[in-house]
Structure formats: structure tokens, C-alpha cells
Amino acid sequence: MIGYLRDYANGITTLAYVFAVVGLFLALNGRIEFGVAAMLWTWFLDHCDGHVARKTSHIRRPGVAEFGKSFDGFVDLIHGVVFPATVIILIGQGSALSLIASLLLVLTGAVRLSYFENVGLTADGRFTGIPVSYDTPLLALLLLLRPFLSLTSFAATMAILFIALAMLHVTTIIHVPAIRGRAVPAATLCAIAASTALVILQEIVPSVN
């Protein structure tokens, strides 16, 4: 069973889990910006493992790809659904609005991941609806704007935006291209820039709010 991890793509996914747990640990211990910075690397590695899997498909042992697909799906659930829902509740301090936003995010995220698991990409290689992998980058962007709003306004804004995003997860109208090829280096730069900015911001936010 552990032998499935002796694969380039699955090894990258394993590292993504490490960053995911570190991100949750930091957020739950009051270091939300640090937590999101760590989760951005889970987000990046989650895209990177698919790229590596396609490049190494000719040398992967039987059963490894099938294992990797499910293994990758669980990390999607953590960084794209569970983590943002947790941060929404933490920042909202358990408000009714934060409960509604997190509940909708978890339900629509689970529906979306289940749909993708069974249906996959469209014929032209696109996702149906907004992928849950967009949740962590949105969270990072919002936190970079955190110093400019009061805690109450920021919490409400975040909850409302994620309610809207939750609805977009399950829409069939929008088709989004997958992050592949030249988009992978761009995703790397985004992860580096945003995570660095969040680490710097972590020391500023307490004094602002």
C-alpha cells in the first residue's frame, strides 16, 4: 500500500499533504496568513503532480495511476474545501453568516469533486464549473486586503464572496481550462509571490485590526 508512494507524482501529492496539515495547524493556532501561505503550496503541488503524472505515464506501474487519482482527490478536498471553510469560521468568529458560507462551500465542493471524479473534463479539456482549487488563491487574495477593512466588514465580505463561489462550483454554464503546460510556471510564481506577501502581512494584521 505504501509502495504506491514510490512514484514521482504520488510523492509530490504526499508533500502537498504535508503542507496542508501545516497550513491547518498554523490557521487553527491563530496564524491564519501563515496557514494560507502554506496551503498555497499545497495548491501549487496539487497542480504539479498532475503535470508530472502525465509526463511519467509511460513508466508508472499498474495501479499507480488509479491510486494517484483518488489520493489527489482527498488533498483537493482539504485545500479547496475544508481549509477555506475553516478559515471562514475562524475569521467570522462563529457567526451565522460564516456557518452558512462554510456549509454551502463544503456541500457544493463535495458535489463538484464527486462530479469530476465520475465525469472528468469536457471534450476540449475544460472543467465544468469553477474548480475548488480556486478557493485557496481567492482566500490568499482576500487576506492581502484584510488590513484595509474592519474585522466585521472583512468577515462579512469573505463569507458573501465564498457563498457566491460555492454556487459557481456547481454551475454547468462556466467551463474553465485546466492549469497545464505554460500555466504551471505561472502558478509557481503566483504561489511564491502570494505566500511571501502573506508571511510579511502576518505581522501587520494584528496591529491593524
N, C-alpha and C. Protein backbone atom coordinates (compact mmCIF):
# COMPACT_ATOMS: atom_id res chain seq x y z
N MET A 1 0.83 -1.21 0.00
CA MET A 1 0.00 0.00 0.00
C MET A 1 0.86 1.26 0.00
N ILE A 2 1.83 1.32 0.93
CA ILE A 2 2.74 2.46 0.99
C ILE A 2 3.60 2.53 -0.26
N GLY A 3 3.77 1.37 -0.92
CA GLY A 3 4.59 1.32 -2.12
C GLY A 3 4.08 2.22 -3.24
N TYR A 4 2.78 2.54 -3.21
CA TYR A 4 2.24 3.43 -4.23
C TYR A 4 2.84 4.83 -4.15
N LEU A 5 3.41 5.15 -2.99
CA LEU A 5 4.00 6.48 -2.82
C LEU A 5 5.38 6.57 -3.48
N ARG A 6 5.94 5.41 -3.86
CA ARG A 6 7.23 5.41 -4.56
C ARG A 6 6.99 5.68 -6.04
N ASP A 7 6.44 6.84 -6.29
CA ASP A 7 6.08 7.28 -7.64
C ASP A 7 6.25 8.79 -7.65
N TYR A 8 6.78 9.34 -8.71
CA TYR A 8 7.07 10.77 -8.74
C TYR A 8 5.84 11.61 -8.44
N ALA A 9 4.76 11.36 -9.15
CA ALA A 9 3.55 12.17 -8.97
C ALA A 9 2.94 11.98 -7.58
N ASN A 10 2.86 10.73 -7.13
CA ASN A 10 2.28 10.48 -5.81
C ASN A 10 3.17 11.00 -4.69
N GLY A 11 4.48 11.04 -4.95
CA GLY A 11 5.40 11.63 -3.97
C GLY A 11 5.15 13.13 -3.83
N ILE A 12 4.87 13.80 -4.93
CA ILE A 12 4.55 15.23 -4.90
C ILE A 12 3.23 15.45 -4.15
N THR A 13 2.25 14.57 -4.39
CA THR A 13 0.97 14.68 -3.68
C THR A 13 1.17 14.49 -2.18
N THR A 14 2.06 13.59 -1.81
CA THR A 14 2.37 13.38 -0.39
C THR A 14 2.91 14.66 0.23
N LEU A 15 3.80 15.35 -0.48
CA LEU A 15 4.33 16.62 0.01
C LEU A 15 3.22 17.65 0.13
N ALA A 16 2.25 17.60 -0.79
CA ALA A 16 1.10 18.51 -0.72
C ALA A 16 0.32 18.29 0.58
N TYR A 17 0.18 17.02 0.99
CA TYR A 17 -0.50 16.72 2.25
C TYR A 17 0.26 17.31 3.44
N VAL A 18 1.58 17.27 3.37
CA VAL A 18 2.40 17.84 4.46
C VAL A 18 2.11 19.33 4.61
N PHE A 19 2.13 20.05 3.51
CA PHE A 19 1.83 21.49 3.55
C PHE A 19 0.40 21.73 4.01
N ALA A 20 -0.52 20.84 3.62
CA ALA A 20 -1.92 21.01 4.02
C ALA A 20 -2.09 20.90 5.53
N VAL A 21 -1.44 19.92 6.13
CA VAL A 21 -1.54 19.75 7.59
C VAL A 21 -0.86 20.91 8.31
N VAL A 22 0.28 21.34 7.80
CA VAL A 22 0.96 22.50 8.39
C VAL A 22 0.07 23.74 8.28
N GLY A 23 -0.58 23.92 7.13
CA GLY A 23 -1.47 25.06 6.95
C GLY A 23 -2.62 25.05 7.93
N LEU A 24 -3.25 23.90 8.12
CA LEU A 24 -4.34 23.78 9.08
C LEU A 24 -3.84 24.04 10.50
N PHE A 25 -2.68 23.49 10.82
CA PHE A 25 -2.10 23.68 12.16
C PHE A 25 -1.87 25.16 12.46
N LEU A 26 -1.28 25.86 11.50
CA LEU A 26 -0.99 27.28 11.69
C LEU A 26 -2.27 28.10 11.81
N ALA A 27 -3.25 27.83 10.94
CA ALA A 27 -4.51 28.59 10.98
C ALA A 27 -5.24 28.38 12.29
N LEU A 28 -5.29 27.14 12.75
CA LEU A 28 -6.01 26.82 13.99
C LEU A 28 -5.30 27.35 15.23
N ASN A 29 -4.04 27.73 15.05
CA ASN A 29 -3.28 28.32 16.16
C ASN A 29 -3.12 29.82 15.99
N GLY A 30 -4.03 30.43 15.24
CA GLY A 30 -4.08 31.88 15.14
C GLY A 30 -3.15 32.52 14.14
N ARG A 31 -2.45 31.72 13.35
CA ARG A 31 -1.53 32.26 12.34
C ARG A 31 -2.15 32.02 10.96
N ILE A 32 -3.26 32.69 10.71
CA ILE A 32 -4.05 32.41 9.52
C ILE A 32 -3.28 32.74 8.24
N GLU A 33 -2.60 33.88 8.19
CA GLU A 33 -1.83 34.23 6.99
C GLU A 33 -0.74 33.20 6.72
N PHE A 34 -0.04 32.76 7.77
CA PHE A 34 0.97 31.72 7.59
C PHE A 34 0.32 30.44 7.08
N GLY A 35 -0.85 30.12 7.63
CA GLY A 35 -1.56 28.91 7.23
C GLY A 35 -1.95 28.94 5.76
N VAL A 36 -2.45 30.07 5.30
CA VAL A 36 -2.83 30.19 3.89
C VAL A 36 -1.58 30.16 3.00
N ALA A 37 -0.49 30.75 3.47
CA ALA A 37 0.77 30.70 2.71
C ALA A 37 1.21 29.26 2.50
N ALA A 38 1.11 28.45 3.55
CA ALA A 38 1.46 27.03 3.43
C ALA A 38 0.50 26.31 2.50
N MET A 39 -0.79 26.64 2.61
CA MET A 39 -1.79 25.97 1.78
C MET A 39 -1.65 26.34 0.31
N LEU A 40 -1.08 27.50 0.01
CA LEU A 40 -0.82 27.86 -1.38
C LEU A 40 0.15 26.87 -2.02
N TRP A 41 1.06 26.34 -1.21
CA TRP A 41 2.00 25.36 -1.75
C TRP A 41 1.32 24.01 -1.95
N THR A 42 0.34 23.70 -1.12
CA THR A 42 -0.48 22.52 -1.38
C THR A 42 -1.20 22.69 -2.71
N TRP A 43 -1.75 23.90 -2.92
CA TRP A 43 -2.45 24.23 -4.16
C TRP A 43 -1.52 24.07 -5.37
N PHE A 44 -0.31 24.61 -5.28
CA PHE A 44 0.64 24.50 -6.39
C PHE A 44 1.04 23.05 -6.65
N LEU A 45 1.38 22.32 -5.58
CA LEU A 45 1.80 20.94 -5.73
C LEU A 45 0.68 20.06 -6.27
N ASP A 46 -0.56 20.44 -5.95
CA ASP A 46 -1.71 19.69 -6.46
C ASP A 46 -1.81 19.80 -7.98
N HIS A 47 -1.40 20.93 -8.53
CA HIS A 47 -1.36 21.08 -9.99
C HIS A 47 -0.10 20.41 -10.56
N CYS A 48 0.97 20.51 -9.83
CA CYS A 48 2.25 19.97 -10.29
C CYS A 48 2.21 18.45 -10.41
N ASP A 49 1.53 17.77 -9.48
CA ASP A 49 1.52 16.30 -9.52
C ASP A 49 0.83 15.77 -10.78
N GLY A 50 -0.21 16.48 -11.22
CA GLY A 50 -0.87 16.06 -12.46
C GLY A 50 0.03 16.22 -13.67
N HIS A 51 0.80 17.31 -13.69
CA HIS A 51 1.74 17.55 -14.78
C HIS A 51 2.80 16.45 -14.82
N VAL A 52 3.32 16.10 -13.65
CA VAL A 52 4.34 15.05 -13.57
C VAL A 52 3.74 13.69 -13.94
N ALA A 53 2.51 13.44 -13.51
CA ALA A 53 1.85 12.17 -13.83
C ALA A 53 1.73 11.98 -15.33
N ARG A 54 1.38 13.04 -16.04
CA ARG A 54 1.25 12.94 -17.50
C ARG A 54 2.61 12.72 -18.16
N LYS A 55 3.65 13.36 -17.63
CA LYS A 55 4.99 13.23 -18.21
C LYS A 55 5.60 11.85 -17.96
N THR A 56 5.18 11.20 -16.87
CA THR A 56 5.78 9.91 -16.49
C THR A 56 4.82 8.74 -16.68
N SER A 57 3.73 8.96 -17.42
CA SER A 57 2.71 7.92 -17.57
C SER A 57 3.27 6.62 -18.17
N HIS A 58 4.32 6.75 -18.99
CA HIS A 58 4.88 5.57 -19.66
C HIS A 58 5.71 4.69 -18.73
N ILE A 59 6.08 5.18 -17.55
CA ILE A 59 6.90 4.37 -16.64
C ILE A 59 6.18 4.04 -15.33
N ARG A 60 4.93 4.44 -15.20
CA ARG A 60 4.18 4.17 -13.96
C ARG A 60 3.72 2.72 -13.93
N ARG A 61 3.84 2.11 -12.76
CA ARG A 61 3.44 0.71 -12.59
C ARG A 61 1.92 0.57 -12.63
N PRO A 62 1.41 -0.62 -12.96
CA PRO A 62 -0.04 -0.84 -12.99
C PRO A 62 -0.69 -0.53 -11.63
N GLY A 63 -1.77 0.19 -11.66
CA GLY A 63 -2.50 0.52 -10.43
C GLY A 63 -2.08 1.82 -9.78
N VAL A 64 -0.89 2.31 -10.12
CA VAL A 64 -0.37 3.53 -9.50
C VAL A 64 -1.20 4.75 -9.91
N ALA A 65 -1.55 4.83 -11.18
CA ALA A 65 -2.32 5.98 -11.66
C ALA A 65 -3.70 6.02 -11.01
N GLU A 66 -4.34 4.85 -10.87
CA GLU A 66 -5.67 4.79 -10.24
C GLU A 66 -5.59 5.22 -8.78
N PHE A 67 -4.55 4.75 -8.08
CA PHE A 67 -4.34 5.16 -6.69
C PHE A 67 -4.12 6.66 -6.61
N GLY A 68 -3.28 7.17 -7.52
CA GLY A 68 -2.94 8.58 -7.51
C GLY A 68 -4.14 9.47 -7.72
N LYS A 69 -5.08 9.03 -8.54
CA LYS A 69 -6.29 9.82 -8.80
C LYS A 69 -7.10 10.01 -7.53
N SER A 70 -7.29 8.94 -6.76
CA SER A 70 -8.03 9.05 -5.50
C SER A 70 -7.22 9.79 -4.45
N PHE A 71 -5.93 9.52 -4.40
CA PHE A 71 -5.04 10.17 -3.44
C PHE A 71 -5.05 11.68 -3.64
N ASP A 72 -5.04 12.10 -4.89
CA ASP A 72 -5.07 13.52 -5.23
C ASP A 72 -6.43 14.14 -4.88
N GLY A 73 -7.49 13.37 -5.03
CA GLY A 73 -8.83 13.88 -4.75
C GLY A 73 -9.02 14.30 -3.31
N PHE A 74 -8.42 13.56 -2.39
CA PHE A 74 -8.56 13.89 -0.98
C PHE A 74 -7.83 15.19 -0.62
N VAL A 75 -6.69 15.43 -1.25
CA VAL A 75 -5.98 16.68 -0.98
C VAL A 75 -6.73 17.86 -1.56
N ASP A 76 -7.46 17.63 -2.67
CA ASP A 76 -8.34 18.67 -3.22
C ASP A 76 -9.40 19.06 -2.19
N LEU A 77 -9.95 18.05 -1.53
CA LEU A 77 -10.99 18.30 -0.53
C LEU A 77 -10.45 19.13 0.63
N ILE A 78 -9.20 18.87 1.02
CA ILE A 78 -8.61 19.59 2.15
C ILE A 78 -8.33 21.05 1.77
N HIS A 79 -7.55 21.26 0.71
CA HIS A 79 -7.11 22.64 0.42
C HIS A 79 -8.18 23.47 -0.28
N GLY A 80 -9.10 22.81 -0.98
CA GLY A 80 -10.10 23.57 -1.71
C GLY A 80 -11.44 23.71 -1.02
N VAL A 81 -11.67 22.91 0.02
CA VAL A 81 -12.98 22.92 0.67
C VAL A 81 -12.86 23.07 2.19
N VAL A 82 -12.22 22.10 2.83
CA VAL A 82 -12.18 22.08 4.30
C VAL A 82 -11.40 23.27 4.85
N PHE A 83 -10.24 23.56 4.26
CA PHE A 83 -9.42 24.65 4.78
C PHE A 83 -10.10 26.01 4.64
N PRO A 84 -10.60 26.38 3.45
CA PRO A 84 -11.29 27.67 3.35
C PRO A 84 -12.49 27.77 4.29
N ALA A 85 -13.25 26.68 4.42
CA ALA A 85 -14.41 26.69 5.33
C ALA A 85 -13.96 26.93 6.76
N THR A 86 -12.84 26.34 7.14
CA THR A 86 -12.30 26.52 8.49
C THR A 86 -11.89 27.97 8.73
N VAL A 87 -11.20 28.56 7.75
CA VAL A 87 -10.76 29.95 7.88
C VAL A 87 -11.95 30.90 7.94
N ILE A 88 -12.98 30.63 7.15
CA ILE A 88 -14.18 31.47 7.17
C ILE A 88 -14.80 31.48 8.56
N ILE A 89 -14.87 30.32 9.19
CA ILE A 89 -15.44 30.22 10.54
C ILE A 89 -14.55 30.92 11.55
N LEU A 90 -13.23 30.74 11.42
CA LEU A 90 -12.29 31.38 12.36
C LEU A 90 -12.37 32.89 12.29
N ILE A 91 -12.35 33.43 11.07
CA ILE A 91 -12.38 34.88 10.90
C ILE A 91 -13.77 35.43 11.25
N GLY A 92 -14.81 34.67 10.92
CA GLY A 92 -16.16 35.09 11.26
C GLY A 92 -16.52 34.91 12.71
N GLN A 93 -15.59 34.28 13.47
CA GLN A 93 -15.77 34.05 14.91
C GLN A 93 -17.09 33.33 15.20
N GLY A 94 -17.39 32.35 14.35
CA GLY A 94 -18.56 31.52 14.59
C GLY A 94 -19.89 32.18 14.33
N SER A 95 -19.92 33.22 13.50
CA SER A 95 -21.17 33.91 13.20
C SER A 95 -22.08 33.02 12.35
N ALA A 96 -23.38 33.38 12.31
CA ALA A 96 -24.34 32.62 11.50
C ALA A 96 -23.96 32.69 10.02
N LEU A 97 -23.48 33.85 9.56
CA LEU A 97 -23.10 34.00 8.16
C LEU A 97 -21.91 33.11 7.81
N SER A 98 -20.96 33.00 8.74
CA SER A 98 -19.80 32.14 8.48
C SER A 98 -20.21 30.68 8.44
N LEU A 99 -21.21 30.31 9.25
CA LEU A 99 -21.72 28.93 9.23
C LEU A 99 -22.39 28.63 7.89
N ILE A 100 -23.20 29.56 7.40
CA ILE A 100 -23.89 29.37 6.12
C ILE A 100 -22.87 29.25 4.98
N ALA A 101 -21.88 30.15 4.98
CA ALA A 101 -20.87 30.14 3.92
C ALA A 101 -20.07 28.85 3.92
N SER A 102 -19.64 28.42 5.09
CA SER A 102 -18.82 27.20 5.18
C SER A 102 -19.64 25.96 4.84
N LEU A 103 -20.91 25.94 5.26
CA LEU A 103 -21.78 24.81 4.95
C LEU A 103 -22.01 24.68 3.45
N LEU A 104 -22.31 25.80 2.79
CA LEU A 104 -22.51 25.78 1.34
C LEU A 104 -21.23 25.39 0.61
N LEU A 105 -20.10 25.89 1.10
CA LEU A 105 -18.82 25.58 0.46
C LEU A 105 -18.51 24.09 0.55
N VAL A 106 -18.74 23.50 1.71
CA VAL A 106 -18.46 22.07 1.88
C VAL A 106 -19.40 21.23 1.02
N LEU A 107 -20.68 21.57 1.02
CA LEU A 107 -21.64 20.78 0.24
C LEU A 107 -21.39 20.88 -1.26
N THR A 108 -21.23 22.10 -1.76
CA THR A 108 -21.01 22.26 -3.20
C THR A 108 -19.63 21.75 -3.61
N GLY A 109 -18.65 21.90 -2.72
CA GLY A 109 -17.32 21.38 -3.01
C GLY A 109 -17.33 19.86 -3.13
N ALA A 110 -18.04 19.20 -2.23
CA ALA A 110 -18.14 17.74 -2.28
C ALA A 110 -18.87 17.28 -3.53
N VAL A 111 -19.95 18.00 -3.89
CA VAL A 111 -20.70 17.67 -5.10
C VAL A 111 -19.81 17.82 -6.33
N ARG A 112 -19.06 18.94 -6.37
CA ARG A 112 -18.20 19.22 -7.52
C ARG A 112 -17.10 18.18 -7.69
N LEU A 113 -16.45 17.81 -6.57
CA LEU A 113 -15.38 16.81 -6.62
C LEU A 113 -15.93 15.44 -7.03
N SER A 114 -17.11 15.10 -6.52
CA SER A 114 -17.74 13.82 -6.89
C SER A 114 -18.10 13.80 -8.38
N TYR A 115 -18.60 14.92 -8.86
CA TYR A 115 -18.95 15.05 -10.29
C TYR A 115 -17.71 14.87 -11.15
N PHE A 116 -16.63 15.56 -10.79
CA PHE A 116 -15.41 15.48 -11.58
C PHE A 116 -14.82 14.06 -11.54
N GLU A 117 -14.92 13.40 -10.38
CA GLU A 117 -14.40 12.04 -10.24
C GLU A 117 -15.08 11.09 -11.22
N ASN A 118 -16.36 11.32 -11.49
CA ASN A 118 -17.13 10.43 -12.34
C ASN A 118 -17.21 10.88 -13.80
N VAL A 119 -17.18 12.19 -14.03
CA VAL A 119 -17.36 12.72 -15.38
C VAL A 119 -16.05 13.18 -16.00
N GLY A 120 -15.20 13.83 -15.19
CA GLY A 120 -13.92 14.32 -15.69
C GLY A 120 -14.05 15.62 -16.47
N LEU A 121 -13.05 15.91 -17.29
CA LEU A 121 -13.04 17.14 -18.08
C LEU A 121 -13.97 17.02 -19.28
N THR A 122 -14.29 18.17 -19.85
CA THR A 122 -15.09 18.19 -21.07
C THR A 122 -14.23 17.68 -22.23
N ALA A 123 -14.86 17.52 -23.38
CA ALA A 123 -14.14 17.01 -24.55
C ALA A 123 -12.97 17.89 -24.96
N ASP A 124 -13.07 19.20 -24.68
CA ASP A 124 -11.98 20.11 -25.03
C ASP A 124 -11.05 20.39 -23.85
N GLY A 125 -11.08 19.52 -22.83
CA GLY A 125 -10.13 19.61 -21.72
C GLY A 125 -10.40 20.71 -20.72
N ARG A 126 -11.67 21.00 -20.48
CA ARG A 126 -12.04 22.05 -19.53
C ARG A 126 -12.85 21.48 -18.36
N PHE A 127 -12.81 22.22 -17.25
CA PHE A 127 -13.63 21.87 -16.09
C PHE A 127 -15.04 22.44 -16.27
N THR A 128 -16.04 21.71 -15.82
CA THR A 128 -17.40 22.24 -15.78
C THR A 128 -17.59 22.91 -14.43
N GLY A 129 -17.87 24.22 -14.43
CA GLY A 129 -17.95 24.96 -13.18
C GLY A 129 -16.57 25.39 -12.70
N ILE A 130 -16.53 26.22 -11.68
CA ILE A 130 -15.25 26.69 -11.12
C ILE A 130 -14.65 25.60 -10.24
N PRO A 131 -13.43 25.14 -10.51
CA PRO A 131 -12.81 24.10 -9.67
C PRO A 131 -12.60 24.58 -8.23
N VAL A 132 -12.61 23.67 -7.28
CA VAL A 132 -12.38 24.04 -5.88
C VAL A 132 -10.95 24.51 -5.66
N SER A 133 -10.07 24.21 -6.61
CA SER A 133 -8.67 24.65 -6.48
C SER A 133 -8.53 26.17 -6.56
N TYR A 134 -9.60 26.88 -6.95
CA TYR A 134 -9.56 28.34 -7.00
C TYR A 134 -9.84 28.96 -5.62
N ASP A 135 -10.29 28.14 -4.68
CA ASP A 135 -10.68 28.68 -3.37
C ASP A 135 -9.50 29.22 -2.56
N THR A 136 -8.41 28.48 -2.53
CA THR A 136 -7.25 28.93 -1.76
C THR A 136 -6.62 30.20 -2.33
N PRO A 137 -6.43 30.32 -3.66
CA PRO A 137 -5.94 31.59 -4.19
C PRO A 137 -6.86 32.77 -3.87
N LEU A 138 -8.18 32.55 -3.91
CA LEU A 138 -9.11 33.62 -3.55
C LEU A 138 -8.94 34.00 -2.09
N LEU A 139 -8.78 33.00 -1.25
CA LEU A 139 -8.56 33.24 0.17
C LEU A 139 -7.31 34.07 0.38
N ALA A 140 -6.24 33.74 -0.34
CA ALA A 140 -4.99 34.49 -0.23
C ALA A 140 -5.18 35.94 -0.66
N LEU A 141 -5.87 36.14 -1.77
CA LEU A 141 -6.12 37.49 -2.27
C LEU A 141 -6.92 38.31 -1.26
N LEU A 142 -7.93 37.71 -0.69
CA LEU A 142 -8.76 38.42 0.30
C LEU A 142 -7.95 38.80 1.53
N LEU A 143 -7.10 37.89 1.97
CA LEU A 143 -6.30 38.18 3.17
C LEU A 143 -5.29 39.30 2.93
N LEU A 144 -4.84 39.45 1.69
CA LEU A 144 -3.94 40.55 1.39
C LEU A 144 -4.65 41.90 1.49
N LEU A 145 -5.98 41.87 1.38
CA LEU A 145 -6.79 43.09 1.50
C LEU A 145 -7.29 43.30 2.94
N ARG A 146 -7.02 42.36 3.80
CA ARG A 146 -7.53 42.39 5.16
C ARG A 146 -7.19 43.65 5.95
N PRO A 147 -5.98 44.20 5.83
CA PRO A 147 -5.64 45.39 6.62
C PRO A 147 -6.48 46.62 6.29
N PHE A 148 -7.15 46.61 5.16
CA PHE A 148 -7.89 47.80 4.73
C PHE A 148 -9.35 47.80 5.17
N LEU A 149 -9.79 46.74 5.86
CA LEU A 149 -11.17 46.63 6.31
C LEU A 149 -11.22 46.32 7.79
N SER A 150 -12.33 46.70 8.41
CA SER A 150 -12.52 46.32 9.81
C SER A 150 -12.74 44.81 9.87
N LEU A 151 -12.56 44.23 11.03
CA LEU A 151 -12.73 42.78 11.17
C LEU A 151 -14.14 42.35 10.79
N THR A 152 -15.14 43.12 11.22
CA THR A 152 -16.53 42.77 10.93
C THR A 152 -16.82 42.83 9.44
N SER A 153 -16.37 43.91 8.78
CA SER A 153 -16.59 44.07 7.35
C SER A 153 -15.85 43.00 6.56
N PHE A 154 -14.63 42.71 6.97
CA PHE A 154 -13.84 41.71 6.26
C PHE A 154 -14.48 40.33 6.38
N ALA A 155 -14.92 39.97 7.58
CA ALA A 155 -15.54 38.66 7.79
C ALA A 155 -16.80 38.51 6.94
N ALA A 156 -17.63 39.56 6.90
CA ALA A 156 -18.86 39.51 6.12
C ALA A 156 -18.56 39.43 4.62
N THR A 157 -17.59 40.22 4.16
CA THR A 157 -17.21 40.22 2.75
C THR A 157 -16.70 38.85 2.32
N MET A 158 -15.85 38.28 3.14
CA MET A 158 -15.30 36.95 2.83
C MET A 158 -16.41 35.91 2.74
N ALA A 159 -17.31 35.91 3.70
CA ALA A 159 -18.40 34.93 3.71
C ALA A 159 -19.28 35.07 2.47
N ILE A 160 -19.63 36.30 2.12
CA ILE A 160 -20.51 36.53 0.97
C ILE A 160 -19.83 36.10 -0.34
N LEU A 161 -18.55 36.42 -0.49
CA LEU A 161 -17.83 36.04 -1.70
C LEU A 161 -17.72 34.53 -1.84
N PHE A 162 -17.54 33.85 -0.72
CA PHE A 162 -17.44 32.39 -0.79
C PHE A 162 -18.80 31.72 -1.00
N ILE A 163 -19.85 32.37 -0.56
CA ILE A 163 -21.19 31.86 -0.88
C ILE A 163 -21.40 31.91 -2.39
N ALA A 164 -20.99 33.03 -3.00
CA ALA A 164 -21.09 33.17 -4.46
C ALA A 164 -20.22 32.14 -5.16
N LEU A 165 -19.00 31.94 -4.67
CA LEU A 165 -18.08 30.97 -5.27
C LEU A 165 -18.63 29.55 -5.14
N ALA A 166 -19.26 29.27 -4.00
CA ALA A 166 -19.86 27.94 -3.80
C ALA A 166 -20.88 27.63 -4.89
N MET A 167 -21.69 28.63 -5.24
CA MET A 167 -22.67 28.44 -6.30
C MET A 167 -22.00 28.21 -7.66
N LEU A 168 -20.88 28.87 -7.88
CA LEU A 168 -20.16 28.72 -9.15
C LEU A 168 -19.47 27.36 -9.26
N HIS A 169 -19.22 26.71 -8.11
CA HIS A 169 -18.63 25.37 -8.14
C HIS A 169 -19.54 24.37 -8.85
N VAL A 170 -20.84 24.56 -8.72
CA VAL A 170 -21.78 23.56 -9.25
C VAL A 170 -22.55 24.04 -10.48
N THR A 171 -22.15 25.18 -11.03
CA THR A 171 -22.81 25.63 -12.26
C THR A 171 -22.32 24.81 -13.45
N THR A 172 -23.18 24.63 -14.42
CA THR A 172 -22.78 23.92 -15.65
C THR A 172 -22.60 24.88 -16.82
N ILE A 173 -22.75 26.16 -16.54
CA ILE A 173 -22.65 27.18 -17.59
C ILE A 173 -21.20 27.54 -17.89
N ILE A 174 -20.38 27.61 -16.81
CA ILE A 174 -18.99 28.05 -16.95
C ILE A 174 -18.07 26.86 -17.19
N HIS A 175 -17.18 26.98 -18.17
CA HIS A 175 -16.15 25.98 -18.44
C HIS A 175 -14.78 26.64 -18.27
N VAL A 176 -13.95 26.04 -17.43
CA VAL A 176 -12.65 26.63 -17.08
C VAL A 176 -11.52 25.73 -17.57
N PRO A 177 -10.52 26.28 -18.28
CA PRO A 177 -9.40 25.46 -18.74
C PRO A 177 -8.55 24.97 -17.57
N ALA A 178 -8.01 23.78 -17.70
CA ALA A 178 -7.13 23.22 -16.67
C ALA A 178 -5.78 23.93 -16.71
N ILE A 179 -5.10 23.96 -15.54
CA ILE A 179 -3.76 24.56 -15.47
C ILE A 179 -2.75 23.54 -15.95
N ARG A 180 -2.28 23.75 -17.17
CA ARG A 180 -1.33 22.82 -17.79
C ARG A 180 -0.30 23.59 -18.61
N GLY A 181 0.76 22.90 -18.98
CA GLY A 181 1.76 23.50 -19.86
C GLY A 181 2.38 24.76 -19.30
N ARG A 182 2.28 25.85 -20.07
CA ARG A 182 2.90 27.11 -19.67
C ARG A 182 2.24 27.73 -18.44
N ALA A 183 1.04 27.27 -18.12
CA ALA A 183 0.35 27.82 -16.95
C ALA A 183 0.98 27.33 -15.64
N VAL A 184 1.70 26.22 -15.68
CA VAL A 184 2.33 25.67 -14.46
C VAL A 184 3.40 26.62 -13.91
N PRO A 185 4.35 27.14 -14.73
CA PRO A 185 5.31 28.12 -14.21
C PRO A 185 4.63 29.37 -13.67
N ALA A 186 3.55 29.79 -14.32
CA ALA A 186 2.81 30.96 -13.85
C ALA A 186 2.21 30.69 -12.47
N ALA A 187 1.68 29.47 -12.28
CA ALA A 187 1.13 29.09 -10.98
C ALA A 187 2.22 29.07 -9.91
N THR A 188 3.43 28.65 -10.32
CA THR A 188 4.56 28.63 -9.38
C THR A 188 4.89 30.05 -8.89
N LEU A 189 4.98 30.98 -9.83
CA LEU A 189 5.28 32.36 -9.47
C LEU A 189 4.20 32.96 -8.58
N CYS A 190 2.94 32.65 -8.88
CA CYS A 190 1.83 33.14 -8.06
C CYS A 190 1.92 32.61 -6.64
N ALA A 191 2.24 31.32 -6.51
CA ALA A 191 2.35 30.71 -5.18
C ALA A 191 3.48 31.34 -4.38
N ILE A 192 4.62 31.58 -5.04
CA ILE A 192 5.77 32.19 -4.36
C ILE A 192 5.44 33.62 -3.93
N ALA A 193 4.89 34.41 -4.86
CA ALA A 193 4.61 35.82 -4.57
C ALA A 193 3.55 35.97 -3.48
N ALA A 194 2.46 35.23 -3.62
CA ALA A 194 1.36 35.36 -2.65
C ALA A 194 1.74 34.84 -1.28
N SER A 195 2.44 33.71 -1.22
CA SER A 195 2.83 33.16 0.08
C SER A 195 3.83 34.07 0.78
N THR A 196 4.75 34.68 0.02
CA THR A 196 5.71 35.62 0.60
C THR A 196 5.00 36.85 1.16
N ALA A 197 4.05 37.38 0.40
CA ALA A 197 3.28 38.55 0.84
C ALA A 197 2.49 38.24 2.10
N LEU A 198 1.92 37.04 2.18
CA LEU A 198 1.13 36.67 3.36
C LEU A 198 2.00 36.51 4.60
N VAL A 199 3.19 35.98 4.42
CA VAL A 199 4.11 35.85 5.56
C VAL A 199 4.46 37.22 6.11
N ILE A 200 4.71 38.18 5.22
CA ILE A 200 5.01 39.55 5.64
C ILE A 200 3.79 40.17 6.33
N LEU A 201 2.62 39.93 5.74
CA LEU A 201 1.38 40.52 6.27
C LEU A 201 1.01 39.99 7.64
N GLN A 202 1.40 38.76 7.94
CA GLN A 202 1.03 38.13 9.22
C GLN A 202 1.39 39.01 10.41
N GLU A 203 2.51 39.72 10.31
CA GLU A 203 2.95 40.55 11.42
C GLU A 203 2.26 41.92 11.43
N ILE A 204 1.57 42.25 10.33
CA ILE A 204 0.90 43.55 10.24
C ILE A 204 -0.54 43.49 10.71
N VAL A 205 -1.22 42.40 10.36
CA VAL A 205 -2.66 42.27 10.61
C VAL A 205 -3.07 42.50 12.05
N PRO A 206 -2.40 41.91 13.06
CA PRO A 206 -2.84 42.13 14.43
C PRO A 206 -2.89 43.60 14.82
N SER A 207 -1.92 44.38 14.34
CA SER A 207 -1.87 45.79 14.72
C SER A 207 -2.93 46.62 14.00
N VAL A 208 -3.38 46.11 12.81
CA VAL A 208 -4.38 46.82 12.04
C VAL A 208 -5.78 46.61 12.61
N ASN A 209 -6.08 45.35 12.98
CA ASN A 209 -7.39 45.03 13.49
C ASN A 209 -7.42 45.07 15.01
